Every structure is written in structure tokens, then in C-alpha cells.
Amino acid sequence: MEIKLSSSYYRALRKFVKNNKINASNLKKALKLFEENPSHPSLRLEKLSGSKVWTIRIDKSNRIFFVWVSKTIVLLIDIDKHDKYRRY
């Protein structure tokens, strides 16, 4: 699987890292698992209702938001708290 990063994802990543809201090792682990097996149980993959946006879990409170571009390509679009998903 190919993972692409949007400019909005880069902005969110910089913000979260700068504010120490995210553990870099947890993020790397989540992305590695996602690349190897998008359905891995620890990622808690979920599709947001009424949207093309999906999320995977980084840790208890943070998620990566993404869209499937094709069967083999995903575009990461955001990192945020789990409860912020309603904007998508």
C-alpha cells in the first residue's frame, strides 16, 4: 500500500509534535501497522458515517484521518483528537 501525505496532514503533524500532544513512536507504529495491514485490530479502523473519511487509532485519544484514493493508495489528511471527527 502507498501512503501519501496532504498539506493539511503536514500542518496537523507539526502542530501536534510542537505541542507534545502526540508520541512519535506511537505514530510510527500506527503507520507501520497500517501499511502492513490496514485492518489490524489495534488500529481500530473506522469509516466516518456519511463521509468518505476513515480513521485509525494512534493512541487512546488521537487518530489519523484519511481517504482511500484507490485500492492501494491512501491520502492522510489530518491528525486530531478522536472527538473531533464530527467535522468530517
N, C-alpha and C. Protein backbone atom coordinates (compact mmCIF):
# COMPACT_ATOMS: atom_id res chain seq x y z
N MET A 1 0.84 -1.17 0.00
CA MET A 1 0.00 0.00 0.00
C MET A 1 0.89 1.24 0.00
N GLU A 2 0.44 2.24 -0.73
CA GLU A 2 1.16 3.51 -0.79
C GLU A 2 0.43 4.54 0.07
N ILE A 3 1.18 5.25 0.90
CA ILE A 3 0.62 6.28 1.77
C ILE A 3 1.12 7.63 1.30
N LYS A 4 0.17 8.52 0.97
CA LYS A 4 0.52 9.88 0.57
C LYS A 4 0.10 10.84 1.68
N LEU A 5 0.80 11.96 1.78
CA LEU A 5 0.55 12.92 2.85
C LEU A 5 0.08 14.24 2.26
N SER A 6 -1.05 14.73 2.72
CA SER A 6 -1.57 16.01 2.24
C SER A 6 -0.92 17.16 3.01
N SER A 7 -1.06 18.36 2.48
CA SER A 7 -0.51 19.54 3.18
C SER A 7 -1.22 19.75 4.51
N SER A 8 -2.52 19.44 4.57
CA SER A 8 -3.25 19.59 5.84
C SER A 8 -2.73 18.59 6.88
N TYR A 9 -2.32 17.41 6.44
CA TYR A 9 -1.75 16.42 7.35
C TYR A 9 -0.41 16.93 7.90
N TYR A 10 0.43 17.48 7.03
CA TYR A 10 1.71 18.04 7.48
C TYR A 10 1.50 19.14 8.53
N ARG A 11 0.53 20.02 8.29
CA ARG A 11 0.25 21.10 9.25
C ARG A 11 -0.18 20.52 10.60
N ALA A 12 -1.08 19.56 10.56
CA ALA A 12 -1.57 18.95 11.80
C ALA A 12 -0.44 18.22 12.52
N LEU A 13 0.39 17.54 11.77
CA LEU A 13 1.52 16.81 12.37
C LEU A 13 2.47 17.77 13.07
N ARG A 14 2.83 18.86 12.40
CA ARG A 14 3.72 19.85 13.02
C ARG A 14 3.10 20.41 14.30
N LYS A 15 1.82 20.71 14.26
CA LYS A 15 1.13 21.26 15.42
C LYS A 15 1.14 20.27 16.59
N PHE A 16 0.83 19.03 16.31
CA PHE A 16 0.78 18.03 17.37
C PHE A 16 2.15 17.76 17.96
N VAL A 17 3.16 17.68 17.11
CA VAL A 17 4.52 17.42 17.60
C VAL A 17 5.01 18.62 18.41
N LYS A 18 4.78 19.82 17.90
CA LYS A 18 5.21 21.03 18.59
C LYS A 18 4.58 21.14 19.98
N ASN A 19 3.32 20.80 20.09
CA ASN A 19 2.60 20.91 21.35
C ASN A 19 2.69 19.65 22.21
N ASN A 20 3.54 18.71 21.79
CA ASN A 20 3.73 17.45 22.53
C ASN A 20 2.42 16.72 22.79
N LYS A 21 1.51 16.79 21.85
CA LYS A 21 0.23 16.11 22.01
C LYS A 21 0.27 14.69 21.46
N ILE A 22 1.39 14.34 20.86
CA ILE A 22 1.46 13.02 20.24
C ILE A 22 2.84 12.41 20.48
N ASN A 23 2.86 11.13 20.69
CA ASN A 23 4.10 10.40 20.89
C ASN A 23 4.57 9.90 19.52
N ALA A 24 5.74 10.32 19.09
CA ALA A 24 6.25 9.97 17.77
C ALA A 24 6.36 8.46 17.56
N SER A 25 6.74 7.73 18.59
CA SER A 25 6.86 6.27 18.43
C SER A 25 5.49 5.63 18.22
N ASN A 26 4.46 6.14 18.89
CA ASN A 26 3.11 5.61 18.67
C ASN A 26 2.64 5.90 17.24
N LEU A 27 2.96 7.08 16.74
CA LEU A 27 2.59 7.44 15.38
C LEU A 27 3.29 6.54 14.37
N LYS A 28 4.59 6.34 14.54
CA LYS A 28 5.35 5.47 13.63
C LYS A 28 4.81 4.05 13.66
N LYS A 29 4.51 3.56 14.85
CA LYS A 29 3.98 2.20 14.99
C LYS A 29 2.64 2.07 14.27
N ALA A 30 1.76 3.04 14.46
CA ALA A 30 0.45 3.00 13.82
C ALA A 30 0.58 3.02 12.30
N LEU A 31 1.44 3.88 11.78
CA LEU A 31 1.62 3.96 10.33
C LEU A 31 2.24 2.69 9.76
N LYS A 32 3.18 2.10 10.48
CA LYS A 32 3.79 0.85 10.03
C LYS A 32 2.75 -0.28 10.00
N LEU A 33 1.97 -0.39 11.07
CA LEU A 33 0.91 -1.40 11.10
C LEU A 33 -0.09 -1.18 9.97
N PHE A 34 -0.46 0.07 9.76
CA PHE A 34 -1.43 0.42 8.73
C PHE A 34 -0.91 0.04 7.34
N GLU A 35 0.35 0.30 7.10
CA GLU A 35 0.95 -0.03 5.81
C GLU A 35 0.98 -1.54 5.59
N GLU A 36 1.25 -2.29 6.66
CA GLU A 36 1.33 -3.75 6.57
C GLU A 36 -0.04 -4.41 6.54
N ASN A 37 -0.96 -3.89 7.34
CA ASN A 37 -2.29 -4.49 7.46
C ASN A 37 -3.30 -3.43 7.91
N PRO A 38 -3.97 -2.76 6.98
CA PRO A 38 -4.90 -1.69 7.34
C PRO A 38 -6.01 -2.13 8.29
N SER A 39 -6.29 -3.42 8.33
CA SER A 39 -7.37 -3.92 9.19
C SER A 39 -6.87 -4.44 10.54
N HIS A 40 -5.62 -4.17 10.88
CA HIS A 40 -5.07 -4.66 12.14
C HIS A 40 -5.97 -4.19 13.30
N PRO A 41 -6.35 -5.09 14.20
CA PRO A 41 -7.29 -4.75 15.28
C PRO A 41 -6.86 -3.57 16.17
N SER A 42 -5.57 -3.42 16.40
CA SER A 42 -5.13 -2.34 17.29
C SER A 42 -5.32 -0.95 16.67
N LEU A 43 -5.50 -0.88 15.35
CA LEU A 43 -5.70 0.40 14.69
C LEU A 43 -7.14 0.91 14.82
N ARG A 44 -8.04 0.00 15.10
CA ARG A 44 -9.46 0.34 15.24
C ARG A 44 -9.94 1.18 14.05
N LEU A 45 -9.71 0.64 12.88
CA LEU A 45 -10.12 1.27 11.64
C LEU A 45 -11.62 1.53 11.65
N GLU A 46 -12.02 2.75 11.31
CA GLU A 46 -13.46 3.03 11.21
C GLU A 46 -13.73 4.07 10.14
N LYS A 47 -14.86 3.87 9.46
CA LYS A 47 -15.32 4.83 8.46
C LYS A 47 -16.27 5.79 9.14
N LEU A 48 -16.09 7.07 8.88
CA LEU A 48 -16.97 8.06 9.49
C LEU A 48 -18.30 8.06 8.75
N SER A 49 -19.36 8.04 9.50
CA SER A 49 -20.70 7.95 8.95
C SER A 49 -20.99 9.10 7.99
N GLY A 50 -21.51 8.76 6.82
CA GLY A 50 -21.89 9.77 5.84
C GLY A 50 -20.73 10.50 5.21
N SER A 51 -19.56 9.89 5.21
CA SER A 51 -18.35 10.55 4.72
C SER A 51 -17.46 9.54 4.00
N LYS A 52 -16.51 10.03 3.22
CA LYS A 52 -15.51 9.16 2.60
C LYS A 52 -14.26 9.05 3.47
N VAL A 53 -14.30 9.70 4.62
CA VAL A 53 -13.15 9.75 5.52
C VAL A 53 -13.14 8.54 6.45
N TRP A 54 -11.96 7.99 6.64
CA TRP A 54 -11.72 6.88 7.55
C TRP A 54 -10.74 7.35 8.61
N THR A 55 -10.66 6.61 9.72
CA THR A 55 -9.68 6.93 10.76
C THR A 55 -9.02 5.65 11.26
N ILE A 56 -7.79 5.84 11.76
CA ILE A 56 -7.11 4.78 12.51
C ILE A 56 -6.60 5.39 13.80
N ARG A 57 -6.45 4.54 14.78
CA ARG A 57 -6.04 4.98 16.11
C ARG A 57 -4.52 5.06 16.22
N ILE A 58 -4.05 6.17 16.80
CA ILE A 58 -2.63 6.31 17.14
C ILE A 58 -2.43 5.90 18.59
N ASP A 59 -3.27 6.42 19.46
CA ASP A 59 -3.27 6.11 20.89
C ASP A 59 -4.70 6.30 21.39
N LYS A 60 -4.89 6.33 22.69
CA LYS A 60 -6.25 6.39 23.23
C LYS A 60 -7.03 7.62 22.79
N SER A 61 -6.36 8.73 22.56
CA SER A 61 -7.12 9.95 22.26
C SER A 61 -6.87 10.53 20.87
N ASN A 62 -5.89 10.05 20.13
CA ASN A 62 -5.54 10.65 18.84
C ASN A 62 -5.76 9.68 17.68
N ARG A 63 -6.20 10.24 16.55
CA ARG A 63 -6.46 9.43 15.37
C ARG A 63 -5.89 10.09 14.13
N ILE A 64 -5.59 9.28 13.13
CA ILE A 64 -5.20 9.76 11.81
C ILE A 64 -6.43 9.66 10.93
N PHE A 65 -6.71 10.73 10.20
CA PHE A 65 -7.85 10.78 9.29
C PHE A 65 -7.31 10.63 7.87
N PHE A 66 -7.99 9.82 7.05
CA PHE A 66 -7.51 9.59 5.69
C PHE A 66 -8.66 9.24 4.75
N VAL A 67 -8.36 9.28 3.46
CA VAL A 67 -9.31 8.85 2.43
C VAL A 67 -8.59 7.84 1.52
N TRP A 68 -9.36 6.89 1.02
CA TRP A 68 -8.82 5.94 0.05
C TRP A 68 -8.85 6.61 -1.32
N VAL A 69 -7.71 6.73 -1.96
CA VAL A 69 -7.62 7.29 -3.31
C VAL A 69 -7.89 6.18 -4.32
N SER A 70 -7.40 4.99 -4.02
CA SER A 70 -7.64 3.79 -4.81
C SER A 70 -7.53 2.60 -3.86
N LYS A 71 -7.60 1.40 -4.40
CA LYS A 71 -7.50 0.21 -3.54
C LYS A 71 -6.13 0.08 -2.88
N THR A 72 -5.13 0.72 -3.45
CA THR A 72 -3.77 0.58 -2.93
C THR A 72 -3.13 1.89 -2.48
N ILE A 73 -3.87 3.00 -2.57
CA ILE A 73 -3.32 4.31 -2.20
C ILE A 73 -4.25 5.01 -1.22
N VAL A 74 -3.67 5.50 -0.12
CA VAL A 74 -4.43 6.31 0.84
C VAL A 74 -3.77 7.68 0.95
N LEU A 75 -4.60 8.68 1.25
CA LEU A 75 -4.13 10.04 1.44
C LEU A 75 -4.43 10.44 2.88
N LEU A 76 -3.38 10.65 3.68
CA LEU A 76 -3.55 11.09 5.05
C LEU A 76 -3.92 12.57 5.02
N ILE A 77 -4.99 12.94 5.73
CA ILE A 77 -5.47 14.32 5.64
C ILE A 77 -5.42 15.08 6.96
N ASP A 78 -5.35 14.38 8.09
CA ASP A 78 -5.37 15.10 9.36
C ASP A 78 -4.95 14.18 10.50
N ILE A 79 -4.55 14.80 11.60
CA ILE A 79 -4.35 14.13 12.88
C ILE A 79 -5.10 14.98 13.89
N ASP A 80 -5.91 14.33 14.71
CA ASP A 80 -6.63 15.11 15.71
C ASP A 80 -7.17 14.19 16.79
N LYS A 81 -7.77 14.81 17.77
CA LYS A 81 -8.41 14.06 18.84
C LYS A 81 -9.57 13.26 18.27
N HIS A 82 -9.85 12.15 18.88
CA HIS A 82 -10.91 11.28 18.40
C HIS A 82 -12.25 12.00 18.33
N ASP A 83 -12.54 12.85 19.30
CA ASP A 83 -13.85 13.51 19.34
C ASP A 83 -14.00 14.63 18.31
N LYS A 84 -12.97 14.95 17.55
CA LYS A 84 -13.04 16.00 16.53
C LYS A 84 -13.53 15.46 15.18
N TYR A 85 -13.80 14.15 15.12
CA TYR A 85 -14.18 13.55 13.85
C TYR A 85 -15.47 14.11 13.27
N ARG A 86 -16.28 14.73 14.07
CA ARG A 86 -17.59 15.20 13.60
C ARG A 86 -17.49 16.25 12.49
N ARG A 87 -16.35 16.91 12.37
CA ARG A 87 -16.22 17.93 11.32
C ARG A 87 -16.09 17.32 9.94
N TYR A 88 -15.86 16.03 9.88
CA TYR A 88 -15.75 15.36 8.58
C TYR A 88 -17.08 14.73 8.24
